[in-house]
Amino acid sequence: MLKDLSKEELKELESSLRREYEALKAEGLKLDISRGKPSKEQLDLSMDLFTVLTPLSDMISEDGFDTRNYGCLTGILEAKKLLADLLDTKPENVIVFGGSSLNVMYDTVSKAMIHGIMGSTPWCRLPVVKFLCPVPGYDRHFSVTESFGIEMVNVPMTDDGPDMDLVEKLVSEDGSVKGIWCVPKYSNPGGTVYSDETVRRFAALKPAAKDFRIFWDNAYNVHHLDVDRPREILNILEEAEKAGNPDIVYEFGSFSKITFPGSSISAMAASEANVADVTSVMKNQIIGHNKIAMLMHARYLKDKAGILNHMRKHAAILKPKFDIVEETLTEELGGLGIGTWSHPEGGYFVSFNTLPGLAKKVVGMMKEAGVTMTGAGATYPYKKDPEDSNIRIAPSYATVEELKKAIRIFALVVKLSSAEALLDR
């Protein structure tokens, strides 16, 4: 443990680490582990998507729709089937959208603000609208609600998902609480998988607001690092129906990190009543999304087995990178008592916690050394981490050699900043 060293030993260590750090700064490195973007090798996996349709292809969907034309508001049948396979639901529950589920989530909040949900008062006419935000969480979720002036309330994450005692209390007692962000499987950034009990408690919520919705962003449902040993969660739509709460959830997903980010197809899955409500507004916004992209994905990936076979190829690229992070952090920081980190079985991130008060310093020192990371505080609403300790590591985009170097520099910076902090204390 670093804290067990004498002051003289700490000073000697700090001096040695400082020399090493200054030498690294002089190298002029330019590395990036800031965002969870697929690497070039992952993008190359989907290039055959462009071969499934040719100028002479049959462009007619299963339900007889000419995908080259206007129409088909909720998506062609085979795309609904494919996205239902992705989200483990039924095609009739699915609305197919364009390339980004984030855009669908933004649109959903926007429509609730302007039009309301199922006849409820539009949120923009209410004095206060609140959203619950499990933390640490996904920064882009928080930027959506912040952009609308929605008040965000932190809910701590546990090993089983959000603190459900607190969620139940806030949702049942406060009618201004209109929603909660959730990444239920391999969560961003901690890799948490919601337990069965957590899913059932979500499904059985008794909100004070009849227009309360769970925003269930199932972004990583098939993003296993070991496809042969996947983690599974209960189906929230089924559990909500069992609990007599069929309309309480909007589920989201896409093929963005399966084929091409921003150029794939996405979906909302919801109850029959929710689908009717969403499309009643959507019909005034668009005649139909990119049905040719829908047809391409359906013919290329085909079904759940096709999706999982494709994800096996992604895992072969991603798992060695996550192994590098785990092995390096364990080797360099294990047993020192100056940091803890998540051990995800899927998804795109590793969540790291420094000693309190050091996250901003570490990220700043990493930037000085030529390594770009996600900003400290980004995993909390308003970018305000109360402990200033959480840092998100994104291993996917860098090459293996770049990642090895970046994580070793990260471990060095954590040790150096921790030694300095312990000396100050």
Protein backbone atom coordinates (compact mmCIF):
# COMPACT_ATOMS: atom_id res chain seq x y z
CA MET A 1 0.00 0.00 0.00
CA LEU A 2 1.38 3.37 -1.00
CA LYS A 3 0.01 5.00 2.14
CA ASP A 4 2.17 2.71 4.28
CA LEU A 5 5.40 4.15 2.88
CA SER A 6 7.36 6.58 5.00
CA LYS A 7 7.56 10.22 3.98
CA GLU A 8 11.14 9.71 2.77
CA GLU A 9 10.14 6.65 0.72
CA LEU A 10 7.23 8.57 -0.80
CA LYS A 11 9.51 11.47 -1.71
CA GLU A 12 11.98 9.13 -3.38
CA LEU A 13 9.19 7.39 -5.30
CA GLU A 14 7.61 10.70 -6.33
CA SER A 15 10.96 11.97 -7.62
CA SER A 16 11.57 8.82 -9.67
CA LEU A 17 8.06 8.83 -11.14
CA ARG A 18 8.32 12.54 -11.95
CA ARG A 19 11.52 11.98 -13.97
CA GLU A 20 9.86 9.16 -15.89
CA TYR A 21 6.78 11.30 -16.56
CA GLU A 22 8.83 14.27 -17.81
CA ALA A 23 10.70 11.96 -20.18
CA LEU A 24 7.40 10.72 -21.60
CA LYS A 25 6.16 14.27 -22.12
CA ALA A 26 9.27 14.98 -24.19
CA GLU A 27 8.38 12.15 -26.60
CA GLY A 28 5.53 14.18 -28.13
CA LEU A 29 3.02 11.32 -28.08
CA LYS A 30 -0.45 11.59 -29.61
CA LEU A 31 -2.75 8.84 -28.32
CA ASP A 32 -6.53 8.82 -27.85
CA ILE A 33 -8.55 6.62 -25.48
CA SER A 34 -11.36 9.14 -24.99
CA ARG A 35 -14.41 7.74 -26.79
CA GLY A 36 -15.87 4.28 -27.26
CA LYS A 37 -15.50 4.22 -31.02
CA PRO A 38 -15.04 1.00 -32.99
CA SER A 39 -11.56 0.62 -34.45
CA LYS A 40 -10.80 0.45 -38.17
CA GLU A 41 -10.49 -3.34 -37.84
CA GLN A 42 -14.02 -3.50 -36.43
CA LEU A 43 -15.43 -1.28 -39.14
CA ASP A 44 -13.78 -3.47 -41.77
CA LEU A 45 -15.83 -6.43 -40.50
CA SER A 46 -18.99 -4.97 -42.04
CA MET A 47 -17.78 -4.00 -45.49
CA ASP A 48 -19.70 -6.90 -47.06
CA LEU A 49 -22.88 -5.09 -46.03
CA PHE A 50 -22.48 -3.13 -49.25
CA THR A 51 -22.54 -6.29 -51.37
CA VAL A 52 -25.99 -7.56 -50.38
CA LEU A 53 -27.78 -5.08 -52.64
CA THR A 54 -26.81 -4.40 -56.24
CA PRO A 55 -28.51 -2.29 -58.92
CA LEU A 56 -30.33 -5.44 -60.01
CA SER A 57 -31.34 -6.59 -56.51
CA ASP A 58 -34.91 -7.19 -55.52
CA MET A 59 -35.67 -4.09 -53.44
CA ILE A 60 -39.10 -5.27 -52.30
CA SER A 61 -39.46 -6.08 -48.61
CA GLU A 62 -41.20 -9.14 -47.17
CA ASP A 63 -44.41 -7.21 -46.71
CA GLY A 64 -44.38 -6.07 -50.34
CA PHE A 65 -43.00 -2.59 -49.81
CA ASP A 66 -40.69 -0.99 -52.39
CA THR A 67 -37.85 0.20 -50.17
CA ARG A 68 -36.79 2.82 -52.73
CA ASN A 69 -39.92 4.85 -52.18
CA TYR A 70 -41.67 6.97 -49.54
CA GLY A 71 -43.70 5.38 -46.77
CA CYS A 72 -43.52 2.58 -44.22
CA LEU A 73 -43.43 4.88 -41.18
CA THR A 74 -42.48 2.28 -38.56
CA GLY A 75 -40.04 0.31 -40.74
CA ILE A 76 -40.09 -2.70 -43.05
CA LEU A 77 -41.04 -6.07 -41.60
CA GLU A 78 -37.64 -7.79 -41.86
CA ALA A 79 -35.94 -4.85 -40.13
CA LYS A 80 -38.49 -5.03 -37.32
CA LYS A 81 -37.78 -8.75 -36.98
CA LEU A 82 -34.01 -8.16 -36.91
CA LEU A 83 -34.21 -5.41 -34.30
CA ALA A 84 -36.64 -7.51 -32.28
CA ASP A 85 -33.95 -10.23 -32.30
CA LEU A 86 -31.39 -7.66 -31.15
CA LEU A 87 -33.59 -6.50 -28.26
CA ASP A 88 -35.24 -9.86 -27.46
CA THR A 89 -38.74 -8.61 -28.11
CA LYS A 90 -41.56 -8.96 -30.66
CA PRO A 91 -41.58 -7.22 -34.08
CA GLU A 92 -44.92 -5.58 -33.33
CA ASN A 93 -43.29 -3.76 -30.39
CA VAL A 94 -40.62 -2.20 -32.63
CA ILE A 95 -40.38 1.13 -34.44
CA VAL A 96 -37.36 1.28 -36.78
CA PHE A 97 -35.45 4.55 -37.06
CA GLY A 98 -32.26 5.81 -38.69
CA GLY A 99 -28.63 5.39 -37.72
CA SER A 100 -28.42 6.49 -34.07
CA SER A 101 -30.36 5.44 -30.98
CA LEU A 102 -29.05 8.58 -29.26
CA ASN A 103 -30.96 10.62 -31.81
CA VAL A 104 -34.09 8.57 -31.08
CA MET A 105 -33.69 9.19 -27.34
CA TYR A 106 -33.19 12.92 -27.91
CA ASP A 107 -36.28 12.97 -30.14
CA THR A 108 -38.29 11.10 -27.51
CA VAL A 109 -37.41 13.63 -24.81
CA SER A 110 -38.08 16.49 -27.24
CA LYS A 111 -41.53 15.16 -28.11
CA ALA A 112 -42.38 14.74 -24.42
CA MET A 113 -41.31 18.34 -23.86
CA ILE A 114 -43.40 19.68 -26.75
CA HIS A 115 -46.35 17.30 -27.02
CA GLY A 116 -46.47 15.39 -23.76
CA ILE A 117 -46.91 11.63 -23.39
CA MET A 118 -50.29 9.99 -23.96
CA GLY A 119 -52.22 13.20 -23.42
CA SER A 120 -50.28 14.37 -20.37
CA THR A 121 -49.22 17.99 -20.00
CA PRO A 122 -46.18 18.75 -22.20
CA TRP A 123 -43.11 18.88 -20.00
CA CYS A 124 -42.23 22.36 -21.25
CA ARG A 125 -45.38 23.69 -19.50
CA LEU A 126 -44.42 22.25 -16.12
CA PRO A 127 -42.52 24.30 -13.51
CA VAL A 128 -40.03 21.48 -12.83
CA VAL A 129 -39.12 18.31 -14.69
CA LYS A 130 -36.63 15.86 -13.17
CA PHE A 131 -34.73 12.84 -14.48
CA LEU A 132 -32.96 10.23 -12.38
CA CYS A 133 -29.38 9.58 -13.46
CA PRO A 134 -27.52 6.46 -12.27
CA VAL A 135 -23.91 7.46 -11.65
CA PRO A 136 -21.35 7.02 -12.93
CA GLY A 137 -23.21 6.92 -16.23
CA TYR A 138 -23.30 7.83 -19.91
CA ASP A 139 -22.31 11.45 -20.55
CA ARG A 140 -24.43 11.81 -23.69
CA HIS A 141 -27.57 10.81 -21.79
CA PHE A 142 -26.89 13.61 -19.36
CA SER A 143 -26.23 16.14 -22.13
CA VAL A 144 -29.64 15.35 -23.64
CA THR A 145 -31.60 16.13 -20.49
CA GLU A 146 -29.36 19.08 -19.60
CA SER A 147 -29.98 20.62 -23.03
CA PHE A 148 -33.72 20.78 -22.23
CA GLY A 149 -33.20 22.29 -18.78
CA ILE A 150 -34.37 19.10 -17.08
CA GLU A 151 -33.11 18.79 -13.50
CA MET A 152 -30.93 15.73 -13.10
CA VAL A 153 -30.80 13.77 -9.83
CA ASN A 154 -27.90 11.43 -9.06
CA VAL A 155 -28.69 7.82 -8.13
CA PRO A 156 -25.68 5.70 -7.04
CA MET A 157 -24.92 2.51 -8.96
CA THR A 158 -24.46 -0.76 -7.11
CA ASP A 159 -23.14 -4.10 -8.38
CA ASP A 160 -26.74 -5.02 -9.32
CA GLY A 161 -27.73 -1.75 -11.00
CA PRO A 162 -29.07 1.55 -9.64
CA ASP A 163 -29.91 1.89 -5.93
CA MET A 164 -33.49 0.71 -6.27
CA ASP A 165 -34.54 1.76 -2.76
CA LEU A 166 -33.76 5.34 -3.74
CA VAL A 167 -35.29 4.97 -7.23
CA GLU A 168 -38.55 3.63 -5.79
CA LYS A 169 -38.70 6.39 -3.19
CA LEU A 170 -38.07 9.26 -5.63
CA VAL A 171 -40.36 7.91 -8.36
CA SER A 172 -43.27 7.20 -6.02
CA GLU A 173 -43.06 10.41 -3.98
CA ASP A 174 -42.25 13.08 -6.55
CA GLY A 175 -44.54 13.68 -9.52
CA SER A 176 -41.96 15.92 -11.18
CA VAL A 177 -39.72 12.88 -11.74
CA LYS A 178 -40.53 11.98 -15.34
CA GLY A 179 -37.83 9.51 -16.28
CA ILE A 180 -34.64 7.61 -15.57
CA TRP A 181 -31.69 6.79 -17.81
CA CYS A 182 -30.65 3.13 -17.79
CA VAL A 183 -27.95 1.13 -19.58
CA PRO A 184 -28.98 -2.25 -18.19
CA LYS A 185 -26.30 -4.49 -19.65
CA TYR A 186 -22.53 -3.86 -19.64
CA SER A 187 -23.35 -0.33 -18.52
CA ASN A 188 -21.41 2.73 -19.57
CA PRO A 189 -18.90 3.11 -17.97
CA GLY A 190 -18.87 0.44 -15.24
CA GLY A 191 -19.91 -2.66 -17.20
CA THR A 192 -22.66 -3.40 -14.66
CA VAL A 193 -25.30 -6.00 -15.57
CA TYR A 194 -28.67 -5.39 -13.89
CA SER A 195 -29.78 -8.27 -11.69
CA ASP A 196 -33.14 -10.02 -12.14
CA GLU A 197 -34.39 -8.37 -8.95
CA THR A 198 -33.41 -4.93 -10.25
CA VAL A 199 -35.24 -5.47 -13.55
CA ARG A 200 -38.34 -6.71 -11.74
CA ARG A 201 -38.29 -3.72 -9.38
CA PHE A 202 -38.04 -1.37 -12.35
CA ALA A 203 -40.99 -3.11 -14.00
CA ALA A 204 -43.06 -2.81 -10.82
CA LEU A 205 -42.40 0.88 -10.12
CA LYS A 206 -45.39 2.90 -8.96
CA PRO A 207 -44.63 6.40 -10.24
CA ALA A 208 -46.44 9.45 -8.95
CA ALA A 209 -46.32 10.79 -12.54
CA LYS A 210 -48.46 8.85 -15.03
CA ASP A 211 -46.13 10.04 -17.80
CA PHE A 212 -43.00 8.65 -16.10
CA ARG A 213 -40.90 6.51 -18.45
CA ILE A 214 -37.84 4.31 -18.03
CA PHE A 215 -35.40 5.11 -20.85
CA TRP A 216 -33.92 1.60 -21.20
CA ASP A 217 -30.87 2.08 -23.46
CA ASN A 218 -29.99 -1.53 -24.22
CA ALA A 219 -26.99 -0.44 -26.29
CA TYR A 220 -24.74 -3.39 -25.43
CA ASN A 221 -27.20 -6.28 -25.35
CA VAL A 222 -25.05 -8.44 -27.67
CA HIS A 223 -21.66 -6.83 -27.03
CA HIS A 224 -20.15 -9.74 -25.12
CA LEU A 225 -16.40 -10.06 -24.74
CA ASP A 226 -16.94 -13.82 -24.61
CA VAL A 227 -19.84 -14.73 -26.92
CA ASP A 228 -19.84 -18.29 -25.56
CA ARG A 229 -20.41 -17.03 -22.00
CA PRO A 230 -22.83 -14.12 -22.38
CA ARG A 231 -24.44 -12.36 -19.45
CA GLU A 232 -28.22 -12.24 -19.76
CA ILE A 233 -30.86 -9.98 -18.24
CA LEU A 234 -34.60 -10.27 -17.91
CA ASN A 235 -36.73 -8.76 -20.66
CA ILE A 236 -37.99 -5.44 -19.28
CA LEU A 237 -40.99 -5.25 -21.63
CA GLU A 238 -42.17 -8.70 -20.57
CA GLU A 239 -41.60 -7.97 -16.89
CA ALA A 240 -43.45 -4.65 -17.13
CA GLU A 241 -46.42 -6.39 -18.72
CA LYS A 242 -46.43 -9.04 -15.97
CA ALA A 243 -46.36 -6.28 -13.36
CA GLY A 244 -49.35 -4.54 -14.94
CA ASN A 245 -47.09 -1.67 -16.09
CA PRO A 246 -46.83 -2.25 -19.86
CA ASP A 247 -46.42 1.43 -20.75
CA ILE A 248 -43.70 2.34 -18.24
CA VAL A 249 -40.69 1.68 -20.47
CA TYR A 250 -39.15 2.83 -23.74
CA GLU A 251 -36.35 0.48 -24.86
CA PHE A 252 -33.69 1.62 -27.33
CA GLY A 253 -31.05 -0.13 -29.40
CA SER A 254 -29.14 0.09 -32.67
CA PHE A 255 -26.57 -1.54 -34.93
CA SER A 256 -24.23 1.46 -34.63
CA LYS A 257 -21.39 -0.46 -32.93
CA ILE A 258 -22.25 -3.63 -34.82
CA THR A 259 -21.95 -2.31 -38.39
CA PHE A 260 -21.27 1.41 -38.97
CA PRO A 261 -21.76 4.05 -36.26
CA GLY A 262 -24.30 6.65 -37.33
CA SER A 263 -24.95 4.86 -40.64
CA SER A 264 -26.90 1.84 -39.48
CA ILE A 265 -30.45 1.45 -38.17
CA SER A 266 -31.89 1.88 -34.69
CA ALA A 267 -35.10 1.16 -32.83
CA MET A 268 -37.47 1.91 -30.02
CA ALA A 269 -39.29 -1.07 -28.54
CA ALA A 270 -42.36 -0.34 -26.46
CA SER A 271 -45.92 -1.34 -25.62
CA GLU A 272 -48.70 -1.16 -28.20
CA ALA A 273 -50.04 2.00 -26.58
CA ASN A 274 -46.62 3.65 -26.53
CA VAL A 275 -46.00 2.74 -30.17
CA ALA A 276 -49.34 4.31 -31.12
CA ASP A 277 -48.56 7.45 -29.13
CA VAL A 278 -45.04 7.86 -30.55
CA THR A 279 -46.14 7.31 -34.15
CA SER A 280 -49.05 9.76 -33.79
CA VAL A 281 -46.45 12.52 -33.46
CA MET A 282 -43.79 10.93 -35.65
CA LYS A 283 -46.10 10.87 -38.70
CA ASN A 284 -45.90 14.66 -38.80
CA GLN A 285 -42.10 14.59 -38.70
CA ILE A 286 -41.10 12.03 -41.32
CA ILE A 287 -42.67 9.82 -44.00
CA GLY A 288 -40.27 6.98 -43.31
CA HIS A 289 -36.63 6.36 -42.45
CA ASN A 290 -33.96 4.83 -44.70
CA LYS A 291 -35.60 1.61 -45.81
CA ILE A 292 -32.72 0.64 -48.10
CA ALA A 293 -30.41 0.62 -45.05
CA MET A 294 -33.04 -1.47 -43.25
CA LEU A 295 -33.12 -4.00 -46.10
CA MET A 296 -29.32 -4.15 -46.29
CA HIS A 297 -29.00 -4.92 -42.58
CA ALA A 298 -31.78 -7.50 -42.65
CA ARG A 299 -30.29 -9.38 -45.60
CA TYR A 300 -26.74 -9.15 -44.27
CA LEU A 301 -27.25 -10.08 -40.60
CA LYS A 302 -30.45 -12.10 -41.15
CA ASP A 303 -31.38 -13.05 -37.55
CA LYS A 304 -30.15 -13.43 -33.95
CA ALA A 305 -27.69 -16.17 -34.93
CA GLY A 306 -26.28 -13.93 -37.65
CA ILE A 307 -25.94 -11.04 -35.21
CA LEU A 308 -24.10 -13.17 -32.64
CA ASN A 309 -21.80 -14.63 -35.30
CA HIS A 310 -20.89 -11.08 -36.32
CA MET A 311 -20.37 -10.07 -32.69
CA ARG A 312 -17.97 -12.98 -32.24
CA LYS A 313 -15.69 -11.23 -34.75
CA HIS A 314 -15.95 -7.98 -32.80
CA ALA A 315 -15.11 -9.79 -29.56
CA ALA A 316 -11.98 -11.30 -31.12
CA ILE A 317 -10.72 -7.75 -31.68
CA LEU A 318 -11.99 -6.17 -28.46
CA LYS A 319 -11.22 -8.77 -25.79
CA PRO A 320 -7.42 -8.61 -26.18
CA LYS A 321 -7.63 -4.84 -25.66
CA PHE A 322 -9.68 -5.20 -22.49
CA ASP A 323 -7.19 -7.84 -21.34
CA ILE A 324 -4.37 -5.33 -21.84
CA VAL A 325 -6.14 -2.82 -19.60
CA GLU A 326 -6.86 -5.40 -16.89
CA GLU A 327 -3.39 -6.93 -16.93
CA THR A 328 -1.56 -3.61 -16.98
CA LEU A 329 -3.62 -2.04 -14.19
CA THR A 330 -3.24 -5.18 -12.07
CA GLU A 331 0.52 -5.35 -12.67
CA GLU A 332 1.16 -1.63 -12.11
CA LEU A 333 -1.44 -0.67 -9.49
CA GLY A 334 -2.62 -3.87 -7.85
CA GLY A 335 -2.27 -3.81 -4.08
CA LEU A 336 -1.19 -0.16 -3.91
CA GLY A 337 -4.54 1.08 -2.58
CA ILE A 338 -4.62 4.07 -4.94
CA GLY A 339 -7.23 2.98 -7.47
CA THR A 340 -10.05 0.58 -8.20
CA TRP A 341 -11.49 -0.38 -11.55
CA SER A 342 -14.29 -2.37 -13.14
CA HIS A 343 -13.84 -5.79 -14.76
CA PRO A 344 -16.42 -5.72 -17.57
CA GLU A 345 -17.62 -8.81 -19.41
CA GLY A 346 -18.89 -6.77 -22.33
CA GLY A 347 -19.55 -3.29 -23.62
CA TYR A 348 -16.96 -0.65 -24.43
CA PHE A 349 -15.55 0.82 -21.23
CA VAL A 350 -13.58 0.36 -18.04
CA SER A 351 -14.50 2.58 -15.09
CA PHE A 352 -11.56 3.66 -12.91
CA ASN A 353 -11.67 5.39 -9.53
CA THR A 354 -8.66 7.30 -8.25
CA LEU A 355 -8.16 8.49 -4.70
CA PRO A 356 -10.71 11.26 -4.01
CA GLY A 357 -9.84 14.58 -5.60
CA LEU A 358 -7.43 13.29 -8.26
CA ALA A 359 -9.45 12.51 -11.41
CA LYS A 360 -9.13 15.97 -12.98
CA LYS A 361 -5.44 16.07 -12.16
CA VAL A 362 -4.84 12.63 -13.71
CA VAL A 363 -6.73 13.45 -16.91
CA GLY A 364 -4.90 16.77 -17.17
CA MET A 365 -1.50 15.13 -16.72
CA MET A 366 -2.42 12.50 -19.31
CA LYS A 367 -3.18 15.25 -21.81
CA GLU A 368 0.19 16.89 -21.07
CA ALA A 369 1.80 13.52 -21.82
CA GLY A 370 -0.03 13.32 -25.16
CA VAL A 371 -2.88 10.97 -24.21
CA THR A 372 -6.46 12.18 -24.62
CA MET A 373 -9.04 10.73 -22.22
CA THR A 374 -12.71 11.39 -21.54
CA GLY A 375 -12.95 14.51 -19.39
CA ALA A 376 -13.01 13.98 -15.64
CA GLY A 377 -16.55 14.45 -14.35
CA ALA A 378 -18.12 13.46 -17.69
CA THR A 379 -19.73 10.39 -16.13
CA TYR A 380 -21.83 12.61 -13.83
CA PRO A 381 -24.62 15.11 -14.59
CA TYR A 382 -23.35 18.64 -15.13
CA LYS A 383 -19.84 17.10 -15.22
CA LYS A 384 -19.74 17.34 -11.43
CA ASP A 385 -18.25 14.24 -9.86
CA PRO A 386 -18.66 14.91 -6.11
CA GLU A 387 -15.56 12.84 -5.31
CA ASP A 388 -13.55 13.92 -8.39
CA SER A 389 -12.45 10.31 -8.70
CA ASN A 390 -14.11 8.61 -11.68
CA ILE A 391 -12.36 8.25 -15.04
CA ARG A 392 -13.72 6.38 -18.07
CA ILE A 393 -11.23 4.34 -20.10
CA ALA A 394 -12.19 3.49 -23.70
CA PRO A 395 -9.92 0.71 -25.05
CA SER A 396 -11.61 0.09 -28.41
CA TYR A 397 -10.31 2.71 -30.84
CA ALA A 398 -6.55 2.63 -30.23
CA THR A 399 -4.31 0.00 -31.78
CA VAL A 400 -2.96 -2.69 -29.47
CA GLU A 401 0.45 -1.03 -29.31
CA GLU A 402 -1.04 2.43 -28.72
CA LEU A 403 -3.26 1.05 -25.98
CA LYS A 404 -0.37 -0.72 -24.23
CA LYS A 405 1.57 2.53 -24.10
CA ALA A 406 -1.44 4.66 -23.07
CA ILE A 407 -2.40 2.39 -20.16
CA ARG A 408 1.17 2.20 -18.87
CA ILE A 409 1.34 6.00 -18.94
CA PHE A 410 -2.04 6.09 -17.16
CA ALA A 411 -0.75 3.80 -14.41
CA LEU A 412 2.36 5.95 -14.05
CA VAL A 413 0.29 9.13 -13.77
CA VAL A 414 -2.03 7.56 -11.19
CA LYS A 415 0.98 6.53 -9.09
CA LEU A 416 2.65 9.92 -9.43
CA SER A 417 -0.46 11.96 -8.61
CA SER A 418 -1.29 9.63 -5.70
CA ALA A 419 2.22 9.89 -4.27
CA GLU A 420 2.04 13.69 -4.48
CA ALA A 421 -1.37 13.70 -2.80
CA LEU A 422 -0.20 11.45 0.01
CA LEU A 423 2.83 13.69 0.57
CA ASP A 424 0.57 16.74 0.72
CA ARG A 425 -1.64 15.04 3.29
